[in-house]
Amino acid sequence: MGCCTGRCTFIFLCTLQLLSALERQVFDFLGYQWAAIVANFLHIIVVILGLFGTIQYRPRYIVLYTIWTALWVTWNIFIICFYLEVGGLSKDSDLLTFNISEHHSWWSEHGPGCVSREVPLSGMKGTDSRSYISVMGCAIEYHYIEVMHSAVQIFLALLGFVYACYIISLFSEDADGFDVTARGFEPFPIYHVSNQPSNLLLKQSHLSS
């Protein structure tokens, strides 16, 4: 298969998925979003397996990629619902941090144009006792940035799923074509060779009689 085929397109899509997942993983680490960190890590591993399966002609790895893609799309739909507070979900909850920290999305304080103001905590002394009380001037609200990240992941995953199915069908056709070609180009089957001497003996006996 040449480099202009769906196989190379799928490799390109997997590369884009890896880059986007790594970018998302960095910002999820900065925000201590542990659930998202685990999901991103699994996604990176499966995409690498999909790349390996495409390059090394291993359809089982690509099948694993297609199964994970369905789960990945479901996860990102949940993230969109979480940040848009659909179905009783709240973006201010600690669901994505496994309730082990109070951190939220990194973009909530460091988004485009955001300015954070700090004041000492009431009732506590010391210069280290400080807390964010407001974030102002954000050009885009952080939950919309998270929604856009998930939307990009869904788009790339759906494209990857389509091309993965196409690659699996190509590998299956190549395997079937190889078997048919191997059988079709066998010019002298073994049973023809073994029967040929007996046919010659029969002809000679008829001539002699």
C-alpha atoms as a PDB file:
ATOM      1  CA  MET A   1       0.000   0.000   0.000  1.00  0.00           C
ATOM      2  CA  GLY A   2       1.368   3.369  -0.986  1.00  0.00           C
ATOM      3  CA  CYS A   3       1.716   6.351   1.248  1.00  0.00           C
ATOM      4  CA  CYS A   4      -1.309   8.071  -0.305  1.00  0.00           C
ATOM      5  CA  THR A   5      -3.684   5.389   0.983  1.00  0.00           C
ATOM      6  CA  GLY A   6      -5.946   5.337   4.036  1.00  0.00           C
ATOM      7  CA  ARG A   7      -3.177   3.579   5.968  1.00  0.00           C
ATOM      8  CA  CYS A   8      -0.955   6.660   5.946  1.00  0.00           C
ATOM      9  CA  THR A   9      -3.953   8.887   6.646  1.00  0.00           C
ATOM     10  CA  PHE A  10      -4.681   6.785   9.718  1.00  0.00           C
ATOM     11  CA  ILE A  11      -1.057   7.102  10.858  1.00  0.00           C
ATOM     12  CA  PHE A  12      -1.351  10.877  10.483  1.00  0.00           C
ATOM     13  CA  LEU A  13      -4.595  10.911  12.521  1.00  0.00           C
ATOM     14  CA  CYS A  14      -2.989   8.842  15.276  1.00  0.00           C
ATOM     15  CA  THR A  15      -0.089  11.286  15.387  1.00  0.00           C
ATOM     16  CA  LEU A  16      -2.522  14.187  15.788  1.00  0.00           C
ATOM     17  CA  GLN A  17      -4.312  12.295  18.545  1.00  0.00           C
ATOM     18  CA  LEU A  18      -1.037  11.705  20.372  1.00  0.00           C
ATOM     19  CA  LEU A  19      -0.066  15.370  20.200  1.00  0.00           C
ATOM     20  CA  SER A  20      -3.474  16.587  21.343  1.00  0.00           C
ATOM     21  CA  ALA A  21      -3.607  14.007  24.150  1.00  0.00           C
ATOM     22  CA  LEU A  22      -0.131  14.974  25.381  1.00  0.00           C
ATOM     23  CA  GLU A  23      -1.108  18.655  25.369  1.00  0.00           C
ATOM     24  CA  ARG A  24      -4.242  17.875  27.343  1.00  0.00           C
ATOM     25  CA  GLN A  25      -2.322  15.664  29.752  1.00  0.00           C
ATOM     26  CA  VAL A  26       0.054  18.508  30.623  1.00  0.00           C
ATOM     27  CA  PHE A  27      -2.750  20.889  31.597  1.00  0.00           C
ATOM     28  CA  ASP A  28      -4.647  18.170  33.469  1.00  0.00           C
ATOM     29  CA  PHE A  29      -1.481  17.511  35.498  1.00  0.00           C
ATOM     30  CA  LEU A  30      -1.241  21.202  36.292  1.00  0.00           C
ATOM     31  CA  GLY A  31      -4.833  21.153  37.529  1.00  0.00           C
ATOM     32  CA  TYR A  32      -4.491  17.835  39.399  1.00  0.00           C
ATOM     33  CA  GLN A  33      -7.393  16.339  37.441  1.00  0.00           C
ATOM     34  CA  TRP A  34      -6.585  12.751  38.392  1.00  0.00           C
ATOM     35  CA  ALA A  35      -9.483  11.053  36.611  1.00  0.00           C
ATOM     36  CA  ALA A  36      -8.640  12.873  33.392  1.00  0.00           C
ATOM     37  CA  ILE A  37      -4.942  12.047  33.844  1.00  0.00           C
ATOM     38  CA  VAL A  38      -5.689   8.304  34.023  1.00  0.00           C
ATOM     39  CA  ALA A  39      -8.006   8.463  31.000  1.00  0.00           C
ATOM     40  CA  ASN A  40      -5.449  10.429  28.966  1.00  0.00           C
ATOM     41  CA  PHE A  41      -2.695   7.957  29.863  1.00  0.00           C
ATOM     42  CA  LEU A  42      -4.772   4.996  28.679  1.00  0.00           C
ATOM     43  CA  HIS A  43      -5.659   6.868  25.503  1.00  0.00           C
ATOM     44  CA  ILE A  44      -2.003   7.553  24.718  1.00  0.00           C
ATOM     45  CA  ILE A  45      -1.100   3.874  25.225  1.00  0.00           C
ATOM     46  CA  VAL A  46      -3.916   2.626  22.957  1.00  0.00           C
ATOM     47  CA  VAL A  47      -3.126   5.150  20.214  1.00  0.00           C
ATOM     48  CA  ILE A  48       0.507   4.008  20.264  1.00  0.00           C
ATOM     49  CA  LEU A  49      -0.688   0.404  19.924  1.00  0.00           C
ATOM     50  CA  GLY A  50      -2.873   1.462  17.004  1.00  0.00           C
ATOM     51  CA  LEU A  51       0.124   3.054  15.324  1.00  0.00           C
ATOM     52  CA  PHE A  52       2.214  -0.070  15.926  1.00  0.00           C
ATOM     53  CA  GLY A  53      -0.525  -2.314  14.570  1.00  0.00           C
ATOM     54  CA  THR A  54      -0.841  -0.217  11.407  1.00  0.00           C
ATOM     55  CA  ILE A  55       2.874  -0.073  10.718  1.00  0.00           C
ATOM     56  CA  GLN A  56       3.509  -3.744  11.554  1.00  0.00           C
ATOM     57  CA  TYR A  57       0.268  -5.095   9.991  1.00  0.00           C
ATOM     58  CA  ARG A  58      -1.233  -6.261  13.296  1.00  0.00           C
ATOM     59  CA  PRO A  59      -5.027  -5.976  12.927  1.00  0.00           C
ATOM     60  CA  ARG A  60      -5.654  -7.092  16.538  1.00  0.00           C
ATOM     61  CA  TYR A  61      -4.120  -3.894  17.852  1.00  0.00           C
ATOM     62  CA  ILE A  62      -6.278  -1.844  15.505  1.00  0.00           C
ATOM     63  CA  VAL A  63      -9.373  -3.690  16.722  1.00  0.00           C
ATOM     64  CA  LEU A  64      -8.354  -2.781  20.276  1.00  0.00           C
ATOM     65  CA  TYR A  65      -8.021   0.822  19.116  1.00  0.00           C
ATOM     66  CA  THR A  66     -11.562   0.839  17.687  1.00  0.00           C
ATOM     67  CA  ILE A  67     -13.012  -0.538  20.944  1.00  0.00           C
ATOM     68  CA  TRP A  68     -11.162   2.052  23.004  1.00  0.00           C
ATOM     69  CA  THR A  69     -12.269   4.822  20.614  1.00  0.00           C
ATOM     70  CA  ALA A  70     -15.903   4.157  21.523  1.00  0.00           C
ATOM     71  CA  LEU A  71     -15.024   4.426  25.225  1.00  0.00           C
ATOM     72  CA  TRP A  72     -12.952   7.554  24.605  1.00  0.00           C
ATOM     73  CA  VAL A  73     -15.832   9.282  22.814  1.00  0.00           C
ATOM     74  CA  THR A  74     -18.132   8.373  25.712  1.00  0.00           C
ATOM     75  CA  TRP A  75     -15.641   9.784  28.231  1.00  0.00           C
ATOM     76  CA  ASN A  76     -15.328  13.073  26.375  1.00  0.00           C
ATOM     77  CA  ILE A  77     -19.100  13.391  26.089  1.00  0.00           C
ATOM     78  CA  PHE A  78     -19.188  13.007  29.876  1.00  0.00           C
ATOM     79  CA  ILE A  79     -16.542  15.751  30.235  1.00  0.00           C
ATOM     80  CA  ILE A  80     -18.641  18.076  28.074  1.00  0.00           C
ATOM     81  CA  CYS A  81     -21.719  17.337  30.179  1.00  0.00           C
ATOM     82  CA  PHE A  82     -19.666  17.835  33.350  1.00  0.00           C
ATOM     83  CA  TYR A  83     -18.415  21.315  32.458  1.00  0.00           C
ATOM     84  CA  LEU A  84     -21.763  22.397  30.995  1.00  0.00           C
ATOM     85  CA  GLU A  85     -23.488  21.045  34.117  1.00  0.00           C
ATOM     86  CA  VAL A  86     -25.863  18.779  32.230  1.00  0.00           C
ATOM     87  CA  GLY A  87     -27.938  16.224  34.138  1.00  0.00           C
ATOM     88  CA  GLY A  88     -27.240  17.537  37.613  1.00  0.00           C
ATOM     89  CA  LEU A  89     -23.448  17.563  37.219  1.00  0.00           C
ATOM     90  CA  SER A  90     -21.490  20.453  38.682  1.00  0.00           C
ATOM     91  CA  LYS A  91     -18.192  21.747  37.321  1.00  0.00           C
ATOM     92  CA  ASP A  92     -17.314  22.979  40.808  1.00  0.00           C
ATOM     93  CA  SER A  93     -17.319  19.487  42.300  1.00  0.00           C
ATOM     94  CA  ASP A  94     -14.192  17.433  43.017  1.00  0.00           C
ATOM     95  CA  LEU A  95     -15.325  14.539  40.835  1.00  0.00           C
ATOM     96  CA  LEU A  96     -12.344  14.702  38.469  1.00  0.00           C
ATOM     97  CA  THR A  97      -9.867  14.968  41.337  1.00  0.00           C
ATOM     98  CA  PHE A  98     -11.221  11.843  43.117  1.00  0.00           C
ATOM     99  CA  ASN A  99     -12.059  14.116  46.075  1.00  0.00           C
ATOM    100  CA  ILE A 100      -8.420  14.081  47.193  1.00  0.00           C
ATOM    101  CA  SER A 101      -7.695  17.716  46.331  1.00  0.00           C
ATOM    102  CA  GLU A 102      -9.475  21.001  45.863  1.00  0.00           C
ATOM    103  CA  HIS A 103      -7.883  21.836  42.535  1.00  0.00           C
ATOM    104  CA  HIS A 104      -9.944  22.421  39.438  1.00  0.00           C
ATOM    105  CA  SER A 105      -9.216  23.061  35.796  1.00  0.00           C
ATOM    106  CA  TRP A 106      -5.929  24.874  35.247  1.00  0.00           C
ATOM    107  CA  TRP A 107      -7.711  27.142  32.779  1.00  0.00           C
ATOM    108  CA  SER A 108      -9.989  28.497  35.529  1.00  0.00           C
ATOM    109  CA  GLU A 109      -7.151  30.731  36.754  1.00  0.00           C
ATOM    110  CA  HIS A 110      -4.810  30.877  33.768  1.00  0.00           C
ATOM    111  CA  GLY A 111      -7.124  31.223  30.808  1.00  0.00           C
ATOM    112  CA  PRO A 112      -6.670  33.875  28.092  1.00  0.00           C
ATOM    113  CA  GLY A 113      -6.842  37.310  29.706  1.00  0.00           C
ATOM    114  CA  CYS A 114      -7.573  36.018  33.214  1.00  0.00           C
ATOM    115  CA  VAL A 115      -6.325  38.085  36.176  1.00  0.00           C
ATOM    116  CA  SER A 116      -6.347  36.524  39.658  1.00  0.00           C
ATOM    117  CA  ARG A 117      -6.527  38.551  42.875  1.00  0.00           C
ATOM    118  CA  GLU A 118      -5.203  37.227  46.190  1.00  0.00           C
ATOM    119  CA  VAL A 119      -5.870  38.335  49.774  1.00  0.00           C
ATOM    120  CA  PRO A 120      -4.857  36.820  53.144  1.00  0.00           C
ATOM    121  CA  LEU A 121      -7.299  34.311  54.579  1.00  0.00           C
ATOM    122  CA  SER A 122      -9.531  35.798  57.244  1.00  0.00           C
ATOM    123  CA  GLY A 123      -8.668  34.882  60.827  1.00  0.00           C
ATOM    124  CA  MET A 124      -5.167  33.626  59.957  1.00  0.00           C
ATOM    125  CA  LYS A 125      -1.811  35.323  60.294  1.00  0.00           C
ATOM    126  CA  GLY A 126       1.284  35.040  58.222  1.00  0.00           C
ATOM    127  CA  THR A 127       2.295  36.049  54.752  1.00  0.00           C
ATOM    128  CA  ASP A 128       1.873  32.501  53.397  1.00  0.00           C
ATOM    129  CA  SER A 129      -1.832  32.301  54.203  1.00  0.00           C
ATOM    130  CA  ARG A 130      -3.336  33.479  50.936  1.00  0.00           C
ATOM    131  CA  SER A 131      -6.294  32.479  48.794  1.00  0.00           C
ATOM    132  CA  TYR A 132      -7.765  33.356  45.401  1.00  0.00           C
ATOM    133  CA  ILE A 133     -10.964  35.323  45.817  1.00  0.00           C
ATOM    134  CA  SER A 134     -11.706  36.262  42.236  1.00  0.00           C
ATOM    135  CA  VAL A 135     -10.637  35.726  38.656  1.00  0.00           C
ATOM    136  CA  MET A 136     -11.488  38.547  36.280  1.00  0.00           C
ATOM    137  CA  GLY A 137     -11.017  39.564  32.678  1.00  0.00           C
ATOM    138  CA  CYS A 138     -11.108  36.088  31.111  1.00  0.00           C
ATOM    139  CA  ALA A 139     -11.627  36.254  27.360  1.00  0.00           C
ATOM    140  CA  ILE A 140     -13.052  32.709  27.388  1.00  0.00           C
ATOM    141  CA  GLU A 141     -14.504  30.954  30.410  1.00  0.00           C
ATOM    142  CA  TYR A 142     -12.501  27.910  31.434  1.00  0.00           C
ATOM    143  CA  HIS A 143     -15.359  25.445  31.036  1.00  0.00           C
ATOM    144  CA  TYR A 144     -15.731  26.416  27.386  1.00  0.00           C
ATOM    145  CA  ILE A 145     -12.018  25.743  26.865  1.00  0.00           C
ATOM    146  CA  GLU A 146     -12.436  22.281  28.398  1.00  0.00           C
ATOM    147  CA  VAL A 147     -15.494  21.671  26.211  1.00  0.00           C
ATOM    148  CA  MET A 148     -13.509  22.640  23.109  1.00  0.00           C
ATOM    149  CA  HIS A 149     -10.707  20.262  24.106  1.00  0.00           C
ATOM    150  CA  SER A 150     -13.194  17.399  24.418  1.00  0.00           C
ATOM    151  CA  ALA A 151     -14.907  18.321  21.147  1.00  0.00           C
ATOM    152  CA  VAL A 152     -11.566  18.130  19.322  1.00  0.00           C
ATOM    153  CA  GLN A 153     -10.890  14.727  20.903  1.00  0.00           C
ATOM    154  CA  ILE A 154     -14.292  13.435  19.792  1.00  0.00           C
ATOM    155  CA  PHE A 155     -13.750  14.688  16.241  1.00  0.00           C
ATOM    156  CA  LEU A 156     -10.314  13.053  15.949  1.00  0.00           C
ATOM    157  CA  ALA A 157     -11.571   9.839  17.563  1.00  0.00           C
ATOM    158  CA  LEU A 158     -14.484   9.510  15.140  1.00  0.00           C
ATOM    159  CA  LEU A 159     -12.191  10.031  12.159  1.00  0.00           C
ATOM    160  CA  GLY A 160      -9.755   7.518  13.608  1.00  0.00           C
ATOM    161  CA  PHE A 161     -12.553   4.982  14.120  1.00  0.00           C
ATOM    162  CA  VAL A 162     -13.650   5.252  10.472  1.00  0.00           C
ATOM    163  CA  TYR A 163     -10.129   4.861   9.130  1.00  0.00           C
ATOM    164  CA  ALA A 164      -9.343   2.060  11.576  1.00  0.00           C
ATOM    165  CA  CYS A 165     -12.295   0.066  10.256  1.00  0.00           C
ATOM    166  CA  TYR A 166     -11.075   0.748   6.723  1.00  0.00           C
ATOM    167  CA  ILE A 167      -7.552  -0.440   7.568  1.00  0.00           C
ATOM    168  CA  ILE A 168      -8.916  -3.640   9.151  1.00  0.00           C
ATOM    169  CA  SER A 169     -10.883  -4.384   5.968  1.00  0.00           C
ATOM    170  CA  LEU A 170      -7.769  -3.750   3.860  1.00  0.00           C
ATOM    171  CA  PHE A 171      -5.689  -6.123   5.961  1.00  0.00           C
ATOM    172  CA  SER A 172      -8.415  -8.788   5.689  1.00  0.00           C
ATOM    173  CA  GLU A 173      -8.579  -8.419   1.898  1.00  0.00           C
ATOM    174  CA  ASP A 174      -4.791  -8.619   1.615  1.00  0.00           C
ATOM    175  CA  ALA A 175      -4.737 -11.799   3.710  1.00  0.00           C
ATOM    176  CA  ASP A 176      -7.473 -13.429   1.606  1.00  0.00           C
ATOM    177  CA  GLY A 177      -5.829 -12.346  -1.647  1.00  0.00           C
ATOM    178  CA  PHE A 178      -2.507 -13.819  -0.566  1.00  0.00           C
ATOM    179  CA  ASP A 179      -4.088 -17.216   0.171  1.00  0.00           C
ATOM    180  CA  VAL A 180      -5.939 -17.306  -3.156  1.00  0.00           C
ATOM    181  CA  THR A 181      -2.843 -16.273  -5.077  1.00  0.00           C
ATOM    182  CA  ALA A 182      -0.730 -18.873  -3.326  1.00  0.00           C
ATOM    183  CA  ARG A 183      -3.191 -21.619  -4.293  1.00  0.00           C
ATOM    184  CA  GLY A 184      -3.812 -20.299  -7.799  1.00  0.00           C
ATOM    185  CA  PHE A 185      -0.154 -20.169  -8.835  1.00  0.00           C
ATOM    186  CA  GLU A 186       0.579 -23.795  -7.938  1.00  0.00           C
ATOM    187  CA  PRO A 187       1.161 -25.108 -11.507  1.00  0.00           C
ATOM    188  CA  PHE A 188       1.699 -28.769 -10.740  1.00  0.00           C
ATOM    189  CA  PRO A 189      -0.186 -30.114  -7.732  1.00  0.00           C
ATOM    190  CA  ILE A 190       1.362 -33.068  -5.971  1.00  0.00           C
ATOM    191  CA  TYR A 191      -1.395 -35.475  -6.939  1.00  0.00           C
ATOM    192  CA  HIS A 192      -0.803 -34.776 -10.657  1.00  0.00           C
ATOM    193  CA  VAL A 193       2.851 -35.638 -10.365  1.00  0.00           C
ATOM    194  CA  SER A 194       2.123 -38.855  -8.443  1.00  0.00           C
ATOM    195  CA  ASN A 195      -0.500 -40.043 -10.928  1.00  0.00           C
ATOM    196  CA  GLN A 196       1.502 -39.296 -14.060  1.00  0.00           C
ATOM    197  CA  PRO A 197       3.719 -42.482 -14.067  1.00  0.00           C
ATOM    198  CA  SER A 198       0.718 -44.805 -13.596  1.00  0.00           C
ATOM    199  CA  ASN A 199      -1.059 -43.205 -16.595  1.00  0.00           C
ATOM    200  CA  LEU A 200       2.014 -43.766 -18.772  1.00  0.00           C
ATOM    201  CA  LEU A 201       2.187 -47.459 -17.747  1.00  0.00           C
ATOM    202  CA  LEU A 202      -1.463 -47.971 -18.655  1.00  0.00           C
ATOM    203  CA  LYS A 203      -0.936 -46.454 -22.113  1.00  0.00           C
ATOM    204  CA  GLN A 204       2.103 -48.649 -22.758  1.00  0.00           C
ATOM    205  CA  SER A 205       0.208 -51.814 -21.768  1.00  0.00           C
ATOM    206  CA  HIS A 206      -2.612 -50.968 -24.183  1.00  0.00           C
ATOM    207  CA  LEU A 207      -0.140 -50.403 -27.046  1.00  0.00           C
ATOM    208  CA  SER A 208       1.715 -53.640 -26.389  1.00  0.00           C
ATOM    209  CA  SER A 209      -1.514 -55.630 -26.351  1.00  0.00           C
END
